[in-house]
């Protein structure tokens, strides 16, 4: 099982949700108005100097095939962006325990 964090500009959030739906992933959490200073692209600090902000989408995936499909879709998305501020960051790690009853 994997825990996945996806970080993106708020402008890309709906596109990421569409990718999640294509992957048949219906359970996720969104944290809005995340201020970031990225390695690539402009900072987004939601102020007059650095306007804009990110969203953080968190999810847990049990199915390895769904995870691989999501990973491939995010990689393909990033290959087709025209502006470095549109890149999506995805990180994932293994979950040892998940309690959800």
Protein backbone atom coordinates (compact mmCIF):
# COMPACT_ATOMS: atom_id res chain seq x y z
CA UNK A 1 0.00 0.00 0.00
CA UNK A 2 1.21 3.51 -0.82
CA UNK A 3 0.60 6.95 0.61
CA UNK A 4 0.77 9.55 -2.16
CA UNK A 5 1.13 13.32 -1.94
CA UNK A 6 0.48 15.38 -5.06
CA UNK A 7 1.41 19.06 -5.00
CA UNK A 8 0.27 21.44 -7.72
CA UNK A 9 -0.75 25.00 -8.43
CA UNK A 10 -4.40 25.54 -7.59
CA UNK A 11 -4.98 26.10 -11.32
CA UNK A 12 -4.09 22.43 -12.02
CA UNK A 13 -6.15 20.92 -9.17
CA UNK A 14 -9.17 20.05 -11.33
CA UNK A 15 -6.92 18.39 -13.90
CA UNK A 16 -5.35 16.26 -11.16
CA UNK A 17 -8.78 15.29 -9.86
CA UNK A 18 -9.70 14.26 -13.41
CA UNK A 19 -6.56 12.09 -13.57
CA UNK A 20 -7.51 10.50 -10.23
CA UNK A 21 -10.96 9.74 -11.64
CA UNK A 22 -9.39 8.19 -14.77
CA UNK A 23 -7.38 5.96 -12.41
CA UNK A 24 -10.62 5.01 -10.63
CA UNK A 25 -9.40 6.64 -7.41
CA UNK A 26 -12.34 8.13 -5.55
CA UNK A 27 -10.95 8.61 -2.05
CA UNK A 28 -8.53 11.47 -1.41
CA UNK A 29 -8.03 14.50 0.79
CA UNK A 30 -7.28 18.05 -0.37
CA UNK A 31 -5.48 20.68 1.66
CA UNK A 32 -6.07 24.10 0.12
CA UNK A 33 -3.95 27.26 0.17
CA UNK A 34 -0.59 25.59 0.70
CA UNK A 35 2.23 28.13 0.45
CA UNK A 36 5.31 26.82 -1.37
CA UNK A 37 8.78 27.67 -2.52
CA UNK A 38 9.49 25.15 -5.27
CA UNK A 39 12.80 23.95 -6.68
CA UNK A 40 11.41 24.83 -10.11
CA UNK A 41 9.08 27.70 -10.89
CA UNK A 42 8.02 30.72 -8.91
CA UNK A 43 7.23 30.66 -5.20
CA UNK A 44 3.53 30.78 -4.39
CA UNK A 45 3.08 32.41 -1.01
CA UNK A 46 -0.45 33.83 -1.47
CA UNK A 47 0.70 37.41 -0.96
CA UNK A 48 1.23 40.50 -3.12
CA UNK A 49 4.88 39.68 -3.81
CA UNK A 50 4.40 35.98 -4.61
CA UNK A 51 0.73 35.52 -5.54
CA UNK A 52 -0.97 32.16 -5.86
CA UNK A 53 -0.84 28.99 -3.82
CA UNK A 54 -0.72 25.23 -4.19
CA UNK A 55 -3.03 22.48 -3.16
CA UNK A 56 -1.91 19.22 -1.60
CA UNK A 57 -3.86 16.13 -2.58
CA UNK A 58 -3.24 13.11 -0.36
CA UNK A 59 -4.39 9.57 -1.02
CA UNK A 60 -3.74 5.99 -0.11
CA UNK A 61 -3.58 3.32 -2.79
CA UNK A 62 -3.73 -0.42 -2.13
CA UNK A 63 -3.72 -1.54 -5.77
CA UNK A 64 -0.23 -1.54 -7.36
CA UNK A 65 -1.71 -1.26 -10.87
CA UNK A 66 -3.66 1.86 -9.92
CA UNK A 67 -0.51 3.37 -8.45
CA UNK A 68 1.50 2.66 -11.62
CA UNK A 69 -1.30 4.07 -13.79
CA UNK A 70 -1.40 7.24 -11.66
CA UNK A 71 2.40 7.57 -11.78
CA UNK A 72 2.40 7.22 -15.58
CA UNK A 73 -0.40 9.77 -15.96
CA UNK A 74 1.42 12.34 -13.79
CA UNK A 75 4.67 11.78 -15.69
CA UNK A 76 2.86 12.21 -19.01
CA UNK A 77 1.16 15.35 -17.72
CA UNK A 78 4.54 16.86 -16.78
CA UNK A 79 6.02 15.98 -20.18
CA UNK A 80 3.33 18.07 -21.88
CA UNK A 81 3.37 21.23 -19.77
CA UNK A 82 4.50 24.41 -21.44
CA UNK A 83 5.45 26.34 -18.30
CA UNK A 84 7.55 25.10 -15.37
CA UNK A 85 4.98 26.58 -12.98
CA UNK A 86 2.56 23.90 -14.18
CA UNK A 87 4.70 20.94 -13.09
CA UNK A 88 3.11 18.54 -10.67
CA UNK A 89 5.11 17.05 -7.83
CA UNK A 90 4.20 13.57 -6.71
CA UNK A 91 5.80 11.67 -3.88
CA UNK A 92 4.90 8.26 -2.53
CA UNK A 93 6.02 5.92 0.20
CA UNK A 94 4.96 2.59 1.61
CA UNK A 95 2.40 2.41 4.40
CA UNK A 96 2.95 -0.23 7.05
CA UNK A 97 -0.35 0.30 8.85
CA UNK A 98 -3.66 1.88 7.88
CA UNK A 99 -6.65 1.73 10.19
CA UNK A 100 -9.87 2.50 8.41
CA UNK A 101 -12.99 0.73 9.59
